[in-house]
Amino acid sequence: MTAAATTATPTKEQFFQQLEQIFRVTSPNGVEFEMSLVEFNDIVDSDTQETFSLLFKAPSETDPEQTTYTVSNDGIGEQLIFMAPVKKDDSGLYFEAIYNRLKQ
């Protein structure tokens, strides 16, 4: 884990601003590839909690591994994000990340 990956998690607004942007990704075993953020879903937004999901599209040949990836782009910096593969089609392999946090 790098020092940059330990910075505060971006807000849902910051992630939303990254829709259709490219992210550089490194798997735990060092494989590097790119993904694009293709979907943002606001699941819960109450006085006490916010839950949202992110859907990333990777190249079709990407290993469908559920794990924590190092993900970076200019908008959010470098983050550790736990993602799971959720579907595959002719255009790519899709990974989902779900955030659930209490509001302060």
N, C-alpha and C. Protein backbone atom coordinates (compact mmCIF):
# COMPACT_ATOMS: atom_id res chain seq x y z
N MET A 1 0.85 -1.17 0.00
CA MET A 1 0.00 0.00 0.00
C MET A 1 0.89 1.23 0.00
N THR A 2 0.57 2.18 -0.85
CA THR A 2 1.35 3.41 -0.89
C THR A 2 0.73 4.44 0.02
N ALA A 3 1.50 5.45 0.38
CA ALA A 3 0.99 6.51 1.24
C ALA A 3 -0.20 7.21 0.60
N ALA A 4 -0.14 7.41 -0.71
CA ALA A 4 -1.23 8.10 -1.41
C ALA A 4 -2.53 7.32 -1.33
N ALA A 5 -2.44 6.00 -1.26
CA ALA A 5 -3.65 5.17 -1.22
C ALA A 5 -4.31 5.19 0.15
N THR A 6 -3.69 5.83 1.12
CA THR A 6 -4.28 5.89 2.45
C THR A 6 -4.97 7.22 2.70
N THR A 7 -5.10 8.06 1.69
CA THR A 7 -5.79 9.34 1.85
C THR A 7 -7.28 9.10 2.01
N ALA A 8 -7.99 10.15 2.40
CA ALA A 8 -9.43 10.04 2.63
C ALA A 8 -10.15 9.54 1.38
N THR A 9 -11.17 8.75 1.61
CA THR A 9 -11.98 8.24 0.51
C THR A 9 -12.74 9.39 -0.13
N PRO A 10 -12.76 9.45 -1.44
CA PRO A 10 -13.51 10.52 -2.12
C PRO A 10 -14.99 10.46 -1.76
N THR A 11 -15.63 11.60 -1.82
CA THR A 11 -17.07 11.68 -1.57
C THR A 11 -17.82 11.13 -2.78
N LYS A 12 -19.11 10.89 -2.58
CA LYS A 12 -19.89 10.40 -3.72
C LYS A 12 -19.95 11.45 -4.82
N GLU A 13 -19.94 12.73 -4.46
CA GLU A 13 -19.93 13.80 -5.46
C GLU A 13 -18.64 13.76 -6.28
N GLN A 14 -17.52 13.51 -5.60
CA GLN A 14 -16.24 13.43 -6.32
C GLN A 14 -16.23 12.24 -7.28
N PHE A 15 -16.77 11.10 -6.84
CA PHE A 15 -16.86 9.95 -7.75
C PHE A 15 -17.79 10.26 -8.91
N PHE A 16 -18.94 10.88 -8.63
CA PHE A 16 -19.89 11.20 -9.69
C PHE A 16 -19.25 12.07 -10.77
N GLN A 17 -18.38 12.98 -10.37
CA GLN A 17 -17.69 13.85 -11.32
C GLN A 17 -16.72 13.08 -12.22
N GLN A 18 -16.42 11.85 -11.86
CA GLN A 18 -15.48 11.03 -12.63
C GLN A 18 -16.16 10.08 -13.61
N LEU A 19 -17.49 10.18 -13.75
CA LEU A 19 -18.20 9.33 -14.72
C LEU A 19 -17.57 9.46 -16.10
N GLU A 20 -17.41 8.33 -16.76
CA GLU A 20 -16.83 8.24 -18.12
C GLU A 20 -15.33 8.55 -18.16
N GLN A 21 -14.71 8.68 -17.00
CA GLN A 21 -13.27 8.94 -16.96
C GLN A 21 -12.50 7.62 -16.88
N ILE A 22 -11.24 7.67 -17.27
CA ILE A 22 -10.36 6.50 -17.25
C ILE A 22 -9.60 6.44 -15.93
N PHE A 23 -9.47 5.23 -15.39
CA PHE A 23 -8.74 4.98 -14.16
C PHE A 23 -7.62 3.99 -14.44
N ARG A 24 -6.47 4.23 -13.86
CA ARG A 24 -5.36 3.29 -13.91
C ARG A 24 -5.53 2.33 -12.73
N VAL A 25 -5.40 1.05 -13.00
CA VAL A 25 -5.70 0.03 -11.99
C VAL A 25 -4.53 -0.94 -11.89
N THR A 26 -4.21 -1.32 -10.64
CA THR A 26 -3.19 -2.34 -10.40
C THR A 26 -3.80 -3.39 -9.48
N SER A 27 -3.72 -4.65 -9.89
CA SER A 27 -4.22 -5.75 -9.07
C SER A 27 -3.19 -6.07 -7.98
N PRO A 28 -3.57 -6.84 -6.96
CA PRO A 28 -2.62 -7.20 -5.91
C PRO A 28 -1.39 -7.95 -6.42
N ASN A 29 -1.51 -8.65 -7.55
CA ASN A 29 -0.36 -9.38 -8.09
C ASN A 29 0.43 -8.55 -9.11
N GLY A 30 0.12 -7.24 -9.20
CA GLY A 30 0.92 -6.34 -10.02
C GLY A 30 0.47 -6.14 -11.46
N VAL A 31 -0.63 -6.78 -11.86
CA VAL A 31 -1.12 -6.60 -13.23
C VAL A 31 -1.75 -5.21 -13.35
N GLU A 32 -1.33 -4.46 -14.37
CA GLU A 32 -1.85 -3.11 -14.59
C GLU A 32 -2.77 -3.08 -15.81
N PHE A 33 -3.86 -2.32 -15.70
CA PHE A 33 -4.80 -2.15 -16.80
C PHE A 33 -5.60 -0.88 -16.55
N GLU A 34 -6.47 -0.54 -17.49
CA GLU A 34 -7.32 0.64 -17.34
C GLU A 34 -8.78 0.23 -17.27
N MET A 35 -9.55 1.02 -16.54
CA MET A 35 -11.00 0.86 -16.44
C MET A 35 -11.63 2.23 -16.64
N SER A 36 -12.88 2.23 -17.05
CA SER A 36 -13.63 3.48 -17.07
C SER A 36 -14.82 3.36 -16.12
N LEU A 37 -15.15 4.47 -15.47
CA LEU A 37 -16.32 4.50 -14.59
C LEU A 37 -17.54 4.75 -15.47
N VAL A 38 -18.39 3.74 -15.59
CA VAL A 38 -19.51 3.82 -16.53
C VAL A 38 -20.87 4.05 -15.88
N GLU A 39 -20.94 3.86 -14.57
CA GLU A 39 -22.25 4.02 -13.92
C GLU A 39 -22.06 4.39 -12.45
N PHE A 40 -22.93 5.27 -11.97
CA PHE A 40 -22.98 5.68 -10.57
C PHE A 40 -24.43 5.53 -10.12
N ASN A 41 -24.66 4.81 -9.02
CA ASN A 41 -26.02 4.63 -8.50
C ASN A 41 -26.09 5.08 -7.05
N ASP A 42 -26.97 6.02 -6.77
CA ASP A 42 -27.22 6.48 -5.40
C ASP A 42 -28.25 5.52 -4.81
N ILE A 43 -27.87 4.74 -3.81
CA ILE A 43 -28.75 3.70 -3.27
C ILE A 43 -29.53 4.21 -2.06
N VAL A 44 -28.82 4.78 -1.07
CA VAL A 44 -29.45 5.34 0.13
C VAL A 44 -28.82 6.69 0.40
N ASP A 45 -29.65 7.67 0.68
CA ASP A 45 -29.15 8.98 1.10
C ASP A 45 -30.11 9.51 2.15
N SER A 46 -29.79 9.26 3.42
CA SER A 46 -30.64 9.69 4.52
C SER A 46 -29.86 10.66 5.40
N ASP A 47 -30.47 11.07 6.50
CA ASP A 47 -29.79 11.97 7.42
C ASP A 47 -28.57 11.32 8.06
N THR A 48 -28.58 10.00 8.16
CA THR A 48 -27.51 9.31 8.88
C THR A 48 -26.60 8.44 8.03
N GLN A 49 -27.01 8.13 6.81
CA GLN A 49 -26.27 7.16 6.01
C GLN A 49 -26.30 7.51 4.54
N GLU A 50 -25.21 7.16 3.84
CA GLU A 50 -25.21 7.24 2.38
C GLU A 50 -24.61 5.96 1.83
N THR A 51 -25.28 5.43 0.82
CA THR A 51 -24.82 4.21 0.15
C THR A 51 -24.91 4.45 -1.35
N PHE A 52 -23.82 4.13 -2.04
CA PHE A 52 -23.81 4.28 -3.50
C PHE A 52 -22.93 3.21 -4.10
N SER A 53 -23.17 2.93 -5.38
CA SER A 53 -22.37 1.94 -6.08
C SER A 53 -21.73 2.56 -7.31
N LEU A 54 -20.59 2.00 -7.67
CA LEU A 54 -19.84 2.41 -8.85
C LEU A 54 -19.67 1.20 -9.75
N LEU A 55 -19.88 1.37 -11.04
CA LEU A 55 -19.68 0.30 -12.00
C LEU A 55 -18.56 0.71 -12.95
N PHE A 56 -17.50 -0.10 -12.96
CA PHE A 56 -16.34 0.14 -13.81
C PHE A 56 -16.31 -0.88 -14.93
N LYS A 57 -15.84 -0.47 -16.10
CA LYS A 57 -15.68 -1.40 -17.23
C LYS A 57 -14.20 -1.56 -17.52
N ALA A 58 -13.75 -2.82 -17.52
CA ALA A 58 -12.37 -3.18 -17.82
C ALA A 58 -12.34 -3.94 -19.15
N PRO A 59 -11.15 -4.11 -19.72
CA PRO A 59 -11.06 -4.92 -20.94
C PRO A 59 -11.58 -6.35 -20.70
N SER A 60 -12.14 -6.95 -21.73
CA SER A 60 -12.73 -8.29 -21.63
C SER A 60 -11.76 -9.34 -21.11
N GLU A 61 -10.48 -9.19 -21.44
CA GLU A 61 -9.49 -10.20 -21.05
C GLU A 61 -9.01 -10.07 -19.60
N THR A 62 -9.52 -9.09 -18.86
CA THR A 62 -9.15 -8.89 -17.46
C THR A 62 -9.59 -10.09 -16.63
N ASP A 63 -8.73 -10.52 -15.69
CA ASP A 63 -9.11 -11.62 -14.79
C ASP A 63 -10.28 -11.17 -13.92
N PRO A 64 -11.32 -11.99 -13.81
CA PRO A 64 -12.49 -11.62 -13.00
C PRO A 64 -12.26 -11.91 -11.52
N GLU A 65 -11.38 -11.15 -10.91
CA GLU A 65 -10.98 -11.40 -9.53
C GLU A 65 -11.65 -10.40 -8.59
N GLN A 66 -12.32 -10.93 -7.56
CA GLN A 66 -12.89 -10.09 -6.50
C GLN A 66 -11.78 -9.80 -5.51
N THR A 67 -11.37 -8.53 -5.43
CA THR A 67 -10.24 -8.19 -4.57
C THR A 67 -10.16 -6.68 -4.39
N THR A 68 -9.16 -6.24 -3.66
CA THR A 68 -8.90 -4.81 -3.48
C THR A 68 -7.86 -4.38 -4.50
N TYR A 69 -8.23 -3.42 -5.32
CA TYR A 69 -7.37 -2.90 -6.37
C TYR A 69 -6.85 -1.52 -5.99
N THR A 70 -5.66 -1.18 -6.47
CA THR A 70 -5.16 0.19 -6.38
C THR A 70 -5.66 0.90 -7.63
N VAL A 71 -6.44 1.95 -7.43
CA VAL A 71 -7.11 2.65 -8.51
C VAL A 71 -6.72 4.12 -8.44
N SER A 72 -6.40 4.71 -9.60
CA SER A 72 -6.04 6.13 -9.57
C SER A 72 -6.47 6.84 -10.85
N ASN A 73 -6.73 8.11 -10.69
CA ASN A 73 -6.90 9.03 -11.81
C ASN A 73 -6.67 10.44 -11.27
N ASP A 74 -6.65 11.41 -12.15
CA ASP A 74 -6.33 12.77 -11.73
C ASP A 74 -7.40 13.36 -10.81
N GLY A 75 -8.63 12.91 -10.92
CA GLY A 75 -9.72 13.47 -10.13
C GLY A 75 -9.79 13.02 -8.70
N ILE A 76 -9.44 11.75 -8.42
CA ILE A 76 -9.54 11.24 -7.04
C ILE A 76 -8.19 10.83 -6.46
N GLY A 77 -7.14 10.93 -7.23
CA GLY A 77 -5.84 10.49 -6.73
C GLY A 77 -5.78 8.97 -6.72
N GLU A 78 -5.01 8.42 -5.80
CA GLU A 78 -4.84 6.97 -5.70
C GLU A 78 -5.62 6.44 -4.51
N GLN A 79 -6.43 5.40 -4.75
CA GLN A 79 -7.30 4.81 -3.73
C GLN A 79 -7.21 3.30 -3.77
N LEU A 80 -7.47 2.68 -2.64
CA LEU A 80 -7.67 1.23 -2.60
C LEU A 80 -9.18 1.00 -2.64
N ILE A 81 -9.64 0.23 -3.62
CA ILE A 81 -11.07 -0.01 -3.79
C ILE A 81 -11.32 -1.51 -3.92
N PHE A 82 -12.20 -2.02 -3.06
CA PHE A 82 -12.62 -3.42 -3.15
C PHE A 82 -13.70 -3.52 -4.22
N MET A 83 -13.46 -4.37 -5.21
CA MET A 83 -14.40 -4.53 -6.32
C MET A 83 -14.63 -6.01 -6.62
N ALA A 84 -15.83 -6.27 -7.13
CA ALA A 84 -16.18 -7.63 -7.54
C ALA A 84 -16.68 -7.61 -8.98
N PRO A 85 -16.31 -8.62 -9.77
CA PRO A 85 -16.84 -8.70 -11.13
C PRO A 85 -18.34 -9.02 -11.06
N VAL A 86 -19.13 -8.33 -11.89
CA VAL A 86 -20.58 -8.54 -11.84
C VAL A 86 -21.20 -8.93 -13.18
N LYS A 87 -20.51 -8.66 -14.28
CA LYS A 87 -21.03 -9.10 -15.58
C LYS A 87 -19.94 -8.95 -16.64
N LYS A 88 -20.16 -9.64 -17.76
CA LYS A 88 -19.24 -9.56 -18.88
C LYS A 88 -20.07 -9.57 -20.16
N ASP A 89 -19.69 -8.71 -21.11
CA ASP A 89 -20.33 -8.71 -22.41
C ASP A 89 -19.26 -8.48 -23.47
N ASP A 90 -19.68 -8.25 -24.70
CA ASP A 90 -18.72 -8.07 -25.80
C ASP A 90 -17.82 -6.86 -25.62
N SER A 91 -18.27 -5.88 -24.84
CA SER A 91 -17.47 -4.65 -24.70
C SER A 91 -16.54 -4.65 -23.50
N GLY A 92 -16.71 -5.60 -22.57
CA GLY A 92 -15.79 -5.62 -21.44
C GLY A 92 -16.28 -6.43 -20.26
N LEU A 93 -15.46 -6.40 -19.20
CA LEU A 93 -15.76 -7.04 -17.93
C LEU A 93 -16.09 -5.93 -16.94
N TYR A 94 -17.19 -6.06 -16.23
CA TYR A 94 -17.67 -5.00 -15.34
C TYR A 94 -17.42 -5.37 -13.88
N PHE A 95 -16.93 -4.40 -13.13
CA PHE A 95 -16.66 -4.55 -11.71
C PHE A 95 -17.51 -3.54 -10.94
N GLU A 96 -18.02 -3.97 -9.78
CA GLU A 96 -18.82 -3.08 -8.95
C GLU A 96 -18.12 -2.85 -7.62
N ALA A 97 -18.19 -1.61 -7.16
CA ALA A 97 -17.73 -1.23 -5.82
C ALA A 97 -18.91 -0.58 -5.12
N ILE A 98 -19.16 -0.96 -3.87
CA ILE A 98 -20.27 -0.40 -3.10
C ILE A 98 -19.71 0.31 -1.88
N TYR A 99 -20.15 1.53 -1.68
CA TYR A 99 -19.75 2.32 -0.52
C TYR A 99 -20.95 2.51 0.38
N ASN A 100 -20.75 2.27 1.68
CA ASN A 100 -21.79 2.45 2.68
C ASN A 100 -21.13 3.16 3.86
N ARG A 101 -21.57 4.38 4.14
CA ARG A 101 -20.94 5.10 5.24
C ARG A 101 -21.95 5.92 6.02
N LEU A 102 -21.62 6.09 7.30
CA LEU A 102 -22.43 6.93 8.17
C LEU A 102 -22.06 8.38 7.94
N LYS A 103 -23.06 9.24 7.99
CA LYS A 103 -22.81 10.67 7.90
C LYS A 103 -22.49 11.20 9.29
N GLN A 104 -21.65 12.19 9.33
CA GLN A 104 -21.30 12.76 10.64
C GLN A 104 -21.92 14.11 10.83
